[in-house]
Amino acid sequence: MDSVTITRSLAMNKPAGGAIVVVRGENIGKIVRIQPDTEIFLGRDSNVCDLYFQENKISRKHCGIIYHAKENVYSIQDYSANGTFWPDGNRLNSQSPNWITPGTEIWLATKMDAIRLG
């Protein structure tokens, strides 16, 4: 088997759904797979959240993320007191879902805890 066949084979076996990759902070390197149209919660409360943090500035239920497979886009709902932010420092809208493309980095409360979608 040549490398092109192996690469194509690996790509075809890619799991359906999205992913959250922690790129900065205490959980760096952790990957959480998201089934399409299922909300994943991030925060300090391990009883509620699928991906939890110990950082005090992150809320108990900080945000929820849904992967929409048909559109290949994520929606994030900010439930936090301290905010969820774009990399430019602007806060995500907490009144309605924010639509985000794969590859986007998001900060949880501060730039010290960051995730990448996709």
Protein backbone atom coordinates (compact mmCIF):
# COMPACT_ATOMS: atom_id res chain seq x y z
CA MET A 1 0.00 0.00 0.00
CA ASP A 2 1.39 3.41 -0.87
CA SER A 3 1.12 6.52 1.32
CA VAL A 4 -1.67 8.03 -0.83
CA THR A 5 -3.86 4.97 -0.22
CA ILE A 6 -3.13 5.00 3.51
CA THR A 7 -3.89 8.72 3.78
CA ARG A 8 -7.13 8.35 1.81
CA SER A 9 -8.08 5.37 4.00
CA LEU A 10 -7.48 7.33 7.20
CA ALA A 11 -9.52 10.27 5.90
CA MET A 12 -12.44 8.01 5.00
CA ASN A 13 -12.40 6.52 8.52
CA LYS A 14 -12.58 9.93 10.19
CA PRO A 15 -15.26 9.80 12.89
CA ALA A 16 -18.48 11.65 12.13
CA GLY A 17 -18.99 14.75 14.20
CA GLY A 18 -16.92 17.62 15.44
CA ALA A 19 -14.23 18.08 18.05
CA ILE A 20 -13.03 20.45 20.73
CA VAL A 21 -9.25 20.62 21.16
CA VAL A 22 -7.81 22.37 24.22
CA VAL A 23 -4.89 24.46 22.93
CA ARG A 24 -3.99 26.41 26.10
CA GLY A 25 -4.44 25.88 29.83
CA GLU A 26 -4.60 23.00 32.27
CA ASN A 27 -6.20 20.56 29.80
CA ILE A 28 -3.87 21.32 26.88
CA GLY A 29 -3.93 18.55 24.29
CA LYS A 30 -7.25 17.10 25.43
CA ILE A 31 -9.69 16.31 22.60
CA VAL A 32 -13.44 15.90 23.08
CA ARG A 33 -15.44 14.47 20.17
CA ILE A 34 -18.89 15.93 19.57
CA GLN A 35 -21.70 13.91 18.04
CA PRO A 36 -23.72 16.00 15.57
CA ASP A 37 -26.50 18.09 17.14
CA THR A 38 -25.49 17.16 20.71
CA GLU A 39 -24.60 19.93 23.16
CA ILE A 40 -21.31 19.53 25.03
CA PHE A 41 -20.87 21.63 28.18
CA LEU A 42 -17.61 23.19 29.35
CA GLY A 43 -17.05 24.53 32.86
CA ARG A 44 -15.92 23.85 36.43
CA ASP A 45 -18.79 21.54 37.47
CA SER A 46 -17.74 17.97 36.68
CA ASN A 47 -21.29 16.76 37.41
CA VAL A 48 -22.68 18.86 34.54
CA CYS A 49 -19.79 19.42 32.13
CA ASP A 50 -18.26 17.08 29.58
CA LEU A 51 -14.99 19.03 29.63
CA TYR A 52 -14.19 20.54 32.99
CA PHE A 53 -11.61 23.00 34.27
CA GLN A 54 -10.40 24.06 37.71
CA GLU A 55 -9.68 27.70 36.80
CA ASN A 56 -11.79 29.93 39.10
CA LYS A 57 -12.60 32.47 36.37
CA ILE A 58 -14.33 29.75 34.33
CA SER A 59 -17.98 29.41 35.39
CA ARG A 60 -19.47 26.17 36.71
CA LYS A 61 -21.38 25.87 33.41
CA HIS A 62 -19.35 28.20 31.21
CA CYS A 63 -20.60 27.45 27.70
CA GLY A 64 -22.29 24.86 25.51
CA ILE A 65 -21.09 23.80 22.07
CA ILE A 66 -23.05 22.01 19.33
CA TYR A 67 -21.61 20.72 16.06
CA HIS A 68 -24.00 21.04 13.10
CA ALA A 69 -22.72 18.44 10.62
CA LYS A 70 -24.89 19.37 7.64
CA GLU A 71 -23.59 22.94 7.69
CA ASN A 72 -20.12 22.01 9.04
CA VAL A 73 -20.40 24.76 11.65
CA TYR A 74 -20.46 25.02 15.45
CA SER A 75 -22.76 27.02 17.68
CA ILE A 76 -21.61 28.22 21.07
CA GLN A 77 -23.93 29.49 23.78
CA ASP A 78 -22.16 31.52 26.48
CA TYR A 79 -23.66 30.77 29.92
CA SER A 80 -20.82 32.37 31.88
CA ALA A 81 -20.41 35.35 34.16
CA ASN A 82 -16.85 36.12 33.01
CA GLY A 83 -17.36 35.64 29.28
CA THR A 84 -16.29 33.53 26.33
CA PHE A 85 -14.14 35.44 23.83
CA TRP A 86 -12.97 35.62 20.24
CA PRO A 87 -9.16 35.71 19.88
CA ASP A 88 -9.33 39.48 19.30
CA GLY A 89 -10.67 39.90 22.86
CA ASN A 90 -14.30 40.64 21.93
CA ARG A 91 -16.88 38.78 23.99
CA LEU A 92 -19.24 36.30 22.30
CA ASN A 93 -22.91 37.24 22.42
CA SER A 94 -24.45 35.71 25.55
CA GLN A 95 -28.05 36.37 24.44
CA SER A 96 -28.07 33.96 21.49
CA PRO A 97 -25.90 31.24 19.91
CA ASN A 98 -22.71 32.28 18.12
CA TRP A 99 -22.03 30.50 14.81
CA ILE A 100 -18.40 29.51 14.43
CA THR A 101 -16.45 27.79 11.66
CA PRO A 102 -14.05 24.87 12.25
CA GLY A 103 -10.51 25.93 13.09
CA THR A 104 -11.59 28.93 15.19
CA GLU A 105 -9.93 29.45 18.57
CA ILE A 106 -12.09 30.58 21.51
CA TRP A 107 -11.02 31.78 24.98
CA LEU A 108 -12.80 30.72 28.15
CA ALA A 109 -12.85 33.72 30.55
CA THR A 110 -9.20 34.64 29.73
CA LYS A 111 -6.72 33.86 26.98
CA MET A 112 -5.00 31.43 29.38
CA ASP A 113 -7.67 28.76 28.67
CA ALA A 114 -8.35 28.33 24.96
CA ILE A 115 -10.03 25.76 22.74
CA ARG A 116 -10.04 25.20 18.99
CA LEU A 117 -13.09 23.82 17.21
CA GLY A 118 -12.80 21.14 14.58
